[in-house]
Amino acid sequence: MKRISLLLGVILASLLLVSSGAMALDAKLTSQKVKAGKPITVSGTIEPGQDLFVVINTQKMFRPSEAPGPKEKARLMKGKKGKNAFGDTPIPPNYYVITNVPEKLATPKEAWKGQTKGIFAFPPFKYKVEVNKIKKWNEIDDSVKAMLGPITSEMQWKFLIYVHEKKFGINTVSKEKPLGGGNARMIMTDYNKQPKKWNEGVSLTLDKNTGKFSVTMTPYKNIAPNAALDVYVNGQKVDTFTIQKSTFFFKTANVYMNPLIVFGGAFLIGVLFVIMGAAGGLFTAAFQITVIGTKGPVGINAGNTIKPTNLFLTLCSPITGLMTYFKEKRFAYPVAIPFAIGIVTGAFFIGPRCRLSI
């Protein structure tokens, strides 16, 4: 009888412990559907006295082996000169940690950006910006590592640092434009507590006496429609929300934009190309970068997304030249032949090597 009573006591104590742990964490979202570029709020209660770690990340993981771009796939998997090789490590392309103790995960500091190597490694080509330098895995406390949601290994953390701090990683995977020319957002806190560019639009309140909290932040504005984002609070998954499109979504460019701006602007660029020749073609890239803000699909570098657009310029531009030739019957061979050789050399021999070194 005593053994039965003891067993019942152990079971009851276990149930009370589990239920008290469940009651200690209670969180909810303002909505399960959020329009792209709009904020999401997570509020609830954690155990009194604890620090708060809210993780918001895209549910679908990205692996280097899944990169649609062959050059990007090779570089992410095997690295460059033996560095930054991530094999088949899975990470969420968009990953945010909002916490009341950001110093446990990152440190604000100044860093050199721009041309940090080579003959142009001096101002104004080389410049300093303030960045939120993410700590290495071995510098993070084990208790904090348990709060990072789907990220559980050092290799995953290294990969996340790469896609938030390195230009190639940002332009290929995370896609979010660095604020102030520094790093893409990842570790954030309340703007009033730490008034830095990466915290703009972030609100966090936490009452450690009661455990009540509220976090508001805006995910990357160009996350594809219907993408699911998971929300974790102190390591525990609490909910999921989906992104609703804000306007027309251009899948290849990976941006939301009014189609009239895109189509009208592209038409004007085409007219300029005919009038100005090659100089007009330069407007094509400028238009895509500055006006449209072309990012490209996850796994394809933004620059490699823009380059193929010149295909139609290349195909259509000879038309006026051919018409003039058949009309005038003149052809400057001494200029045209070396020019053609230069194009072939640049396109098939020099150009590819230069692109691989970027």
Protein backbone atom coordinates (compact mmCIF):
# COMPACT_ATOMS: atom_id res chain seq x y z
CA MET A 1 0.00 0.00 0.00
CA LYS A 2 2.83 2.35 0.89
CA ARG A 3 4.53 1.58 -2.43
CA ILE A 4 1.33 2.42 -4.32
CA SER A 5 0.96 5.67 -2.38
CA LEU A 6 4.60 6.55 -3.09
CA LEU A 7 4.15 5.81 -6.81
CA LEU A 8 1.01 7.94 -6.97
CA GLY A 9 2.86 10.72 -5.19
CA VAL A 10 5.71 10.65 -7.73
CA ILE A 11 3.24 10.71 -10.66
CA LEU A 12 1.30 13.60 -9.12
CA ALA A 13 4.48 15.57 -8.47
CA SER A 14 5.61 15.02 -12.08
CA LEU A 15 2.27 16.21 -13.44
CA LEU A 16 2.39 19.31 -11.26
CA LEU A 17 5.95 20.04 -12.42
CA VAL A 18 5.01 19.70 -16.10
CA SER A 19 1.87 21.78 -15.71
CA SER A 20 3.69 24.51 -13.81
CA GLY A 21 6.33 24.65 -16.57
CA ALA A 22 3.63 24.92 -19.21
CA MET A 23 1.82 27.62 -17.27
CA ALA A 24 5.09 29.54 -16.85
CA LEU A 25 5.22 30.14 -20.63
CA ASP A 26 2.21 31.58 -22.36
CA ALA A 27 2.50 33.48 -25.64
CA LYS A 28 0.28 34.50 -28.54
CA LEU A 29 0.49 36.44 -31.79
CA THR A 30 -1.62 39.40 -32.85
CA SER A 31 -2.41 37.56 -36.09
CA GLN A 32 -1.64 34.35 -37.98
CA LYS A 33 -1.54 36.33 -41.24
CA VAL A 34 0.77 39.33 -41.65
CA LYS A 35 1.07 41.53 -44.72
CA ALA A 36 4.61 41.77 -46.12
CA GLY A 37 6.43 44.74 -44.63
CA LYS A 38 4.07 45.01 -41.65
CA PRO A 39 4.95 44.32 -37.98
CA ILE A 40 4.06 41.26 -35.90
CA THR A 41 3.55 41.37 -32.13
CA VAL A 42 4.23 38.49 -29.74
CA SER A 43 2.99 38.89 -26.17
CA GLY A 44 2.50 36.70 -23.13
CA THR A 45 4.18 35.52 -19.95
CA ILE A 46 7.43 33.72 -19.16
CA GLU A 47 8.74 32.55 -15.82
CA PRO A 48 9.41 35.58 -13.55
CA GLY A 49 13.07 36.55 -13.35
CA GLN A 50 14.01 35.04 -16.72
CA ASP A 51 15.50 36.91 -19.66
CA LEU A 52 13.47 36.95 -22.88
CA PHE A 53 14.51 35.44 -26.21
CA VAL A 54 11.97 35.62 -29.04
CA VAL A 55 13.05 33.91 -32.27
CA ILE A 56 11.18 34.57 -35.52
CA ASN A 57 12.36 32.65 -38.58
CA THR A 58 11.19 31.31 -41.91
CA GLN A 59 9.94 27.78 -41.47
CA LYS A 60 11.45 26.39 -44.67
CA MET A 61 15.13 25.66 -44.25
CA PHE A 62 17.73 26.43 -46.92
CA ARG A 63 20.61 24.06 -47.67
CA PRO A 64 23.56 24.99 -49.93
CA SER A 65 22.89 21.85 -51.99
CA GLU A 66 19.46 23.28 -52.86
CA ALA A 67 20.86 26.53 -54.30
CA PRO A 68 19.48 26.91 -57.86
CA GLY A 69 22.59 28.81 -58.95
CA PRO A 70 25.48 26.39 -59.77
CA LYS A 71 28.21 28.90 -58.85
CA GLU A 72 26.45 29.81 -55.62
CA LYS A 73 25.92 26.14 -54.78
CA ALA A 74 29.60 25.34 -55.24
CA ARG A 75 30.80 28.33 -53.23
CA LEU A 76 28.42 27.80 -50.30
CA MET A 77 29.14 24.08 -50.10
CA LYS A 78 32.91 24.11 -50.69
CA GLY A 79 33.79 27.68 -49.70
CA LYS A 80 36.38 29.99 -51.19
CA LYS A 81 40.05 29.18 -50.66
CA GLY A 82 39.07 26.73 -47.95
CA LYS A 83 37.02 29.25 -45.97
CA ASN A 84 33.28 29.51 -45.35
CA ALA A 85 32.42 26.00 -46.51
CA PHE A 86 29.07 24.92 -45.08
CA GLY A 87 28.43 21.59 -46.80
CA ASP A 88 24.75 20.75 -46.48
CA THR A 89 24.05 22.73 -43.29
CA PRO A 90 20.38 23.81 -43.04
CA ILE A 91 19.40 27.29 -41.84
CA PRO A 92 16.33 29.53 -42.13
CA PRO A 93 17.12 32.29 -44.69
CA ASN A 94 15.42 34.88 -42.47
CA TYR A 95 16.24 34.56 -38.77
CA TYR A 96 15.75 37.09 -35.98
CA VAL A 97 16.41 37.00 -32.24
CA ILE A 98 14.76 39.76 -30.21
CA THR A 99 15.99 39.83 -26.62
CA ASN A 100 16.31 42.11 -23.58
CA VAL A 101 19.97 41.03 -23.28
CA PRO A 102 21.42 41.45 -26.81
CA GLU A 103 24.93 41.66 -25.36
CA LYS A 104 24.79 37.90 -24.78
CA LEU A 105 24.66 37.32 -28.54
CA ALA A 106 26.21 40.36 -30.25
CA THR A 107 28.37 43.43 -29.64
CA PRO A 108 28.00 46.81 -31.42
CA LYS A 109 31.33 47.89 -32.91
CA GLU A 110 32.89 49.70 -35.86
CA ALA A 111 34.06 47.65 -38.84
CA TRP A 112 35.74 48.38 -42.16
CA LYS A 113 33.57 47.91 -45.24
CA GLY A 114 33.96 48.49 -48.97
CA GLN A 115 37.36 47.82 -50.58
CA THR A 116 39.16 46.27 -47.60
CA LYS A 117 41.77 44.60 -49.85
CA GLY A 118 43.69 45.52 -52.98
CA ILE A 119 45.05 48.76 -54.42
CA PHE A 120 41.88 50.70 -53.60
CA ALA A 121 41.84 49.73 -49.91
CA PHE A 122 41.80 53.32 -48.67
CA PRO A 123 39.12 56.02 -48.06
CA PRO A 124 36.68 56.74 -49.62
CA PHE A 125 36.69 53.23 -51.15
CA LYS A 126 37.28 51.82 -47.67
CA TYR A 127 35.07 53.16 -44.89
CA LYS A 128 33.93 52.45 -41.35
CA VAL A 129 30.37 51.60 -40.34
CA GLU A 130 28.79 50.54 -37.06
CA VAL A 131 27.71 46.90 -37.05
CA ASN A 132 26.16 44.51 -34.58
CA LYS A 133 28.97 41.95 -34.49
CA ILE A 134 27.51 38.50 -33.79
CA LYS A 135 29.37 36.43 -31.21
CA LYS A 136 30.97 33.11 -32.09
CA TRP A 137 29.28 29.92 -30.93
CA ASN A 138 31.89 29.19 -28.25
CA GLU A 139 31.40 32.69 -26.80
CA ILE A 140 27.70 32.09 -26.11
CA ASP A 141 26.53 30.64 -22.80
CA ASP A 142 25.00 27.16 -23.01
CA SER A 143 21.80 28.39 -21.35
CA VAL A 144 21.40 30.97 -24.15
CA LYS A 145 22.10 28.40 -26.90
CA ALA A 146 19.00 26.53 -25.72
CA MET A 147 16.91 29.63 -26.50
CA LEU A 148 17.79 29.88 -30.21
CA GLY A 149 14.88 27.92 -31.66
CA PRO A 150 15.82 25.71 -34.63
CA ILE A 151 19.54 26.56 -34.38
CA THR A 152 21.26 23.85 -32.38
CA SER A 153 24.78 23.48 -33.82
CA GLU A 154 27.93 25.53 -34.25
CA MET A 155 27.92 25.03 -38.04
CA GLN A 156 24.39 26.42 -38.30
CA TRP A 157 25.43 29.47 -36.26
CA LYS A 158 28.51 30.02 -38.44
CA PHE A 159 26.36 29.84 -41.55
CA LEU A 160 23.91 32.38 -40.08
CA ILE A 161 26.78 34.75 -39.28
CA TYR A 162 28.03 34.41 -42.87
CA VAL A 163 24.64 35.23 -44.44
CA HIS A 164 24.21 38.27 -42.17
CA GLU A 165 27.75 39.70 -42.15
CA LYS A 166 29.33 38.82 -45.51
CA LYS A 167 28.27 40.52 -48.74
CA PHE A 168 28.05 37.31 -50.77
CA GLY A 169 26.05 35.57 -48.03
CA ILE A 170 23.62 38.48 -47.69
CA ASN A 171 23.09 38.83 -51.46
CA THR A 172 22.65 35.08 -51.93
CA VAL A 173 20.66 33.87 -48.91
CA SER A 174 19.28 36.34 -46.36
CA LYS A 175 18.64 39.07 -49.01
CA GLU A 176 17.84 41.79 -46.46
CA LYS A 177 19.62 45.07 -47.17
CA PRO A 178 22.14 45.97 -44.43
CA LEU A 179 21.11 49.09 -42.55
CA GLY A 180 23.73 51.83 -42.75
CA GLY A 181 25.98 49.70 -44.95
CA GLY A 182 26.75 47.26 -42.11
CA ASN A 183 25.27 43.84 -41.43
CA ALA A 184 21.79 42.46 -42.08
CA ARG A 185 19.52 42.38 -39.02
CA MET A 186 19.68 39.32 -36.79
CA ILE A 187 20.16 40.15 -33.09
CA MET A 188 17.85 42.95 -31.94
CA THR A 189 16.37 44.63 -28.88
CA ASP A 190 14.12 47.53 -27.96
CA TYR A 191 15.13 50.69 -29.85
CA ASN A 192 14.76 52.88 -26.75
CA LYS A 193 17.22 50.64 -24.89
CA GLN A 194 19.73 50.48 -27.75
CA PRO A 195 19.07 53.23 -30.34
CA LYS A 196 20.91 51.62 -33.27
CA LYS A 197 19.84 51.33 -36.91
CA TRP A 198 19.29 47.58 -36.69
CA ASN A 199 16.80 48.13 -33.83
CA GLU A 200 14.62 50.65 -35.65
CA GLY A 201 10.96 49.65 -35.41
CA VAL A 202 11.63 47.11 -32.65
CA SER A 203 9.71 47.36 -29.38
CA LEU A 204 10.32 45.09 -26.37
CA THR A 205 8.87 45.29 -22.88
CA LEU A 206 9.54 42.78 -20.09
CA ASP A 207 8.43 42.87 -16.45
CA LYS A 208 10.77 40.46 -14.70
CA ASN A 209 8.63 40.50 -11.56
CA THR A 210 5.60 39.05 -13.35
CA GLY A 211 7.20 37.66 -16.53
CA LYS A 212 4.81 39.59 -18.76
CA PHE A 213 6.32 40.62 -22.09
CA SER A 214 5.53 42.10 -25.48
CA VAL A 215 7.69 42.15 -28.61
CA THR A 216 6.96 43.95 -31.88
CA MET A 217 9.16 43.78 -34.98
CA THR A 218 8.84 43.84 -38.77
CA PRO A 219 10.28 40.89 -40.73
CA TYR A 220 12.05 41.47 -44.04
CA LYS A 221 9.61 43.28 -46.33
CA ASN A 222 10.23 41.07 -49.39
CA ILE A 223 9.58 37.63 -47.92
CA ALA A 224 7.60 35.69 -50.53
CA PRO A 225 3.80 35.46 -50.15
CA ASN A 226 2.45 32.44 -48.23
CA ALA A 227 5.83 31.83 -46.60
CA ALA A 228 5.41 30.43 -43.08
CA LEU A 229 7.38 31.89 -40.17
CA ASP A 230 7.77 30.10 -36.84
CA VAL A 231 7.86 31.91 -33.51
CA TYR A 232 9.83 30.60 -30.52
CA VAL A 233 9.82 32.03 -27.00
CA ASN A 234 12.75 31.00 -24.80
CA GLY A 235 13.42 27.95 -26.94
CA GLN A 236 9.83 26.73 -27.15
CA LYS A 237 7.83 26.97 -30.38
CA VAL A 238 4.60 28.84 -29.65
CA ASP A 239 2.99 29.59 -33.02
CA THR A 240 3.31 30.13 -36.77
CA PHE A 241 2.18 32.94 -39.07
CA THR A 242 2.14 33.36 -42.84
CA ILE A 243 3.09 36.30 -45.05
CA GLN A 244 0.39 37.89 -47.18
CA LYS A 245 1.41 39.82 -50.29
CA SER A 246 1.40 43.61 -50.01
CA THR A 247 1.26 44.21 -53.77
CA PHE A 248 2.38 42.33 -56.90
CA PHE A 249 5.28 39.95 -56.16
CA PHE A 250 7.98 39.50 -58.81
CA LYS A 251 9.30 36.00 -58.16
CA THR A 252 12.59 36.28 -60.07
CA ALA A 253 13.46 39.68 -58.62
CA ASN A 254 12.12 38.50 -55.23
CA VAL A 255 10.51 41.88 -54.50
CA TYR A 256 7.08 43.44 -54.11
CA MET A 257 6.43 46.38 -56.46
CA ASN A 258 3.75 48.10 -58.49
CA PRO A 259 3.89 46.48 -61.98
CA LEU A 260 3.40 49.86 -63.67
CA ILE A 261 6.70 51.09 -62.23
CA VAL A 262 8.53 48.00 -63.46
CA PHE A 263 7.01 47.84 -66.94
CA GLY A 264 7.06 51.60 -67.53
CA GLY A 265 10.63 51.96 -66.30
CA ALA A 266 11.85 49.04 -68.39
CA PHE A 267 10.21 50.54 -71.50
CA LEU A 268 12.02 53.86 -70.96
CA ILE A 269 15.33 52.03 -70.47
CA GLY A 270 14.76 50.25 -73.79
CA VAL A 271 14.20 53.59 -75.53
CA LEU A 272 17.37 55.02 -73.95
CA PHE A 273 19.35 51.99 -75.08
CA VAL A 274 18.40 52.56 -78.72
CA ILE A 275 19.18 56.27 -78.48
CA MET A 276 22.38 56.06 -76.42
CA GLY A 277 23.72 52.63 -77.35
CA ALA A 278 25.87 50.83 -74.77
CA ALA A 279 25.66 53.78 -72.37
CA GLY A 280 21.90 53.31 -72.29
CA GLY A 281 22.43 49.66 -71.41
CA LEU A 282 24.09 50.74 -68.18
CA PHE A 283 20.72 52.08 -67.08
CA THR A 284 19.34 48.54 -67.13
CA ALA A 285 21.42 47.41 -64.16
CA ALA A 286 21.02 50.75 -62.40
CA PHE A 287 17.23 50.57 -62.76
CA GLN A 288 17.09 47.04 -61.35
CA ILE A 289 19.37 47.84 -58.42
CA THR A 290 18.17 51.29 -57.35
CA VAL A 291 14.51 51.41 -58.39
CA ILE A 292 13.32 47.81 -58.33
CA GLY A 293 15.84 46.60 -55.75
CA THR A 294 16.27 43.22 -57.41
CA LYS A 295 17.38 40.57 -54.88
CA GLY A 296 16.91 37.32 -56.75
CA PRO A 297 15.59 34.00 -55.40
CA VAL A 298 17.17 32.48 -52.30
CA GLY A 299 20.29 30.64 -53.45
CA ILE A 300 21.07 32.94 -56.38
CA ASN A 301 23.30 35.98 -55.92
CA ALA A 302 21.56 39.28 -56.64
CA GLY A 303 24.22 40.23 -59.20
CA ASN A 304 23.72 36.99 -61.13
CA THR A 305 19.98 37.68 -61.21
CA ILE A 306 20.49 41.04 -62.90
CA LYS A 307 23.04 40.03 -65.57
CA PRO A 308 20.81 37.73 -67.70
CA THR A 309 18.38 40.63 -68.23
CA ASN A 310 20.84 42.04 -70.76
CA LEU A 311 20.05 39.09 -73.05
CA PHE A 312 17.27 40.93 -74.87
CA LEU A 313 19.37 44.09 -75.12
CA THR A 314 22.07 42.02 -76.80
CA LEU A 315 19.61 40.32 -79.15
CA CYS A 316 17.67 43.43 -80.14
CA SER A 317 20.46 46.00 -80.36
CA PRO A 318 21.97 44.67 -83.66
CA ILE A 319 18.71 45.33 -85.52
CA THR A 320 19.34 49.04 -86.10
CA GLY A 321 22.98 48.30 -86.94
CA LEU A 322 22.01 45.74 -89.59
CA MET A 323 19.45 48.10 -91.09
CA THR A 324 22.09 50.82 -91.37
CA TYR A 325 24.64 48.42 -92.90
CA PHE A 326 22.30 47.21 -95.65
CA LYS A 327 21.35 50.80 -96.36
CA GLU A 328 24.82 52.39 -96.33
CA LYS A 329 26.98 49.37 -97.29
CA ARG A 330 29.83 50.50 -95.05
CA PHE A 331 31.68 48.43 -92.44
CA ALA A 332 34.78 49.49 -90.45
CA TYR A 333 36.67 46.16 -90.38
CA PRO A 334 39.82 47.45 -88.55
CA VAL A 335 37.64 48.45 -85.60
CA ALA A 336 34.89 45.84 -85.79
CA ILE A 337 37.07 42.71 -85.85
CA PRO A 338 39.24 43.56 -82.76
CA PHE A 339 36.04 44.72 -81.04
CA ALA A 340 34.41 41.33 -81.68
CA ILE A 341 37.52 39.48 -80.48
CA GLY A 342 37.50 41.58 -77.31
CA ILE A 343 33.85 40.74 -76.65
CA VAL A 344 34.45 37.00 -77.07
CA THR A 345 37.57 37.09 -74.87
CA GLY A 346 35.82 39.03 -72.13
CA ALA A 347 32.66 36.95 -72.25
CA PHE A 348 34.21 33.47 -72.25
CA PHE A 349 37.68 33.80 -70.70
CA ILE A 350 38.28 36.90 -68.57
CA GLY A 351 34.73 37.64 -67.40
CA PRO A 352 33.94 34.25 -65.80
CA ARG A 353 37.19 34.31 -63.80
CA CYS A 354 36.47 37.82 -62.54
CA ARG A 355 32.94 36.85 -61.48
CA LEU A 356 34.19 33.81 -59.61
CA SER A 357 36.59 35.98 -57.60
CA ILE A 358 33.84 38.31 -56.37
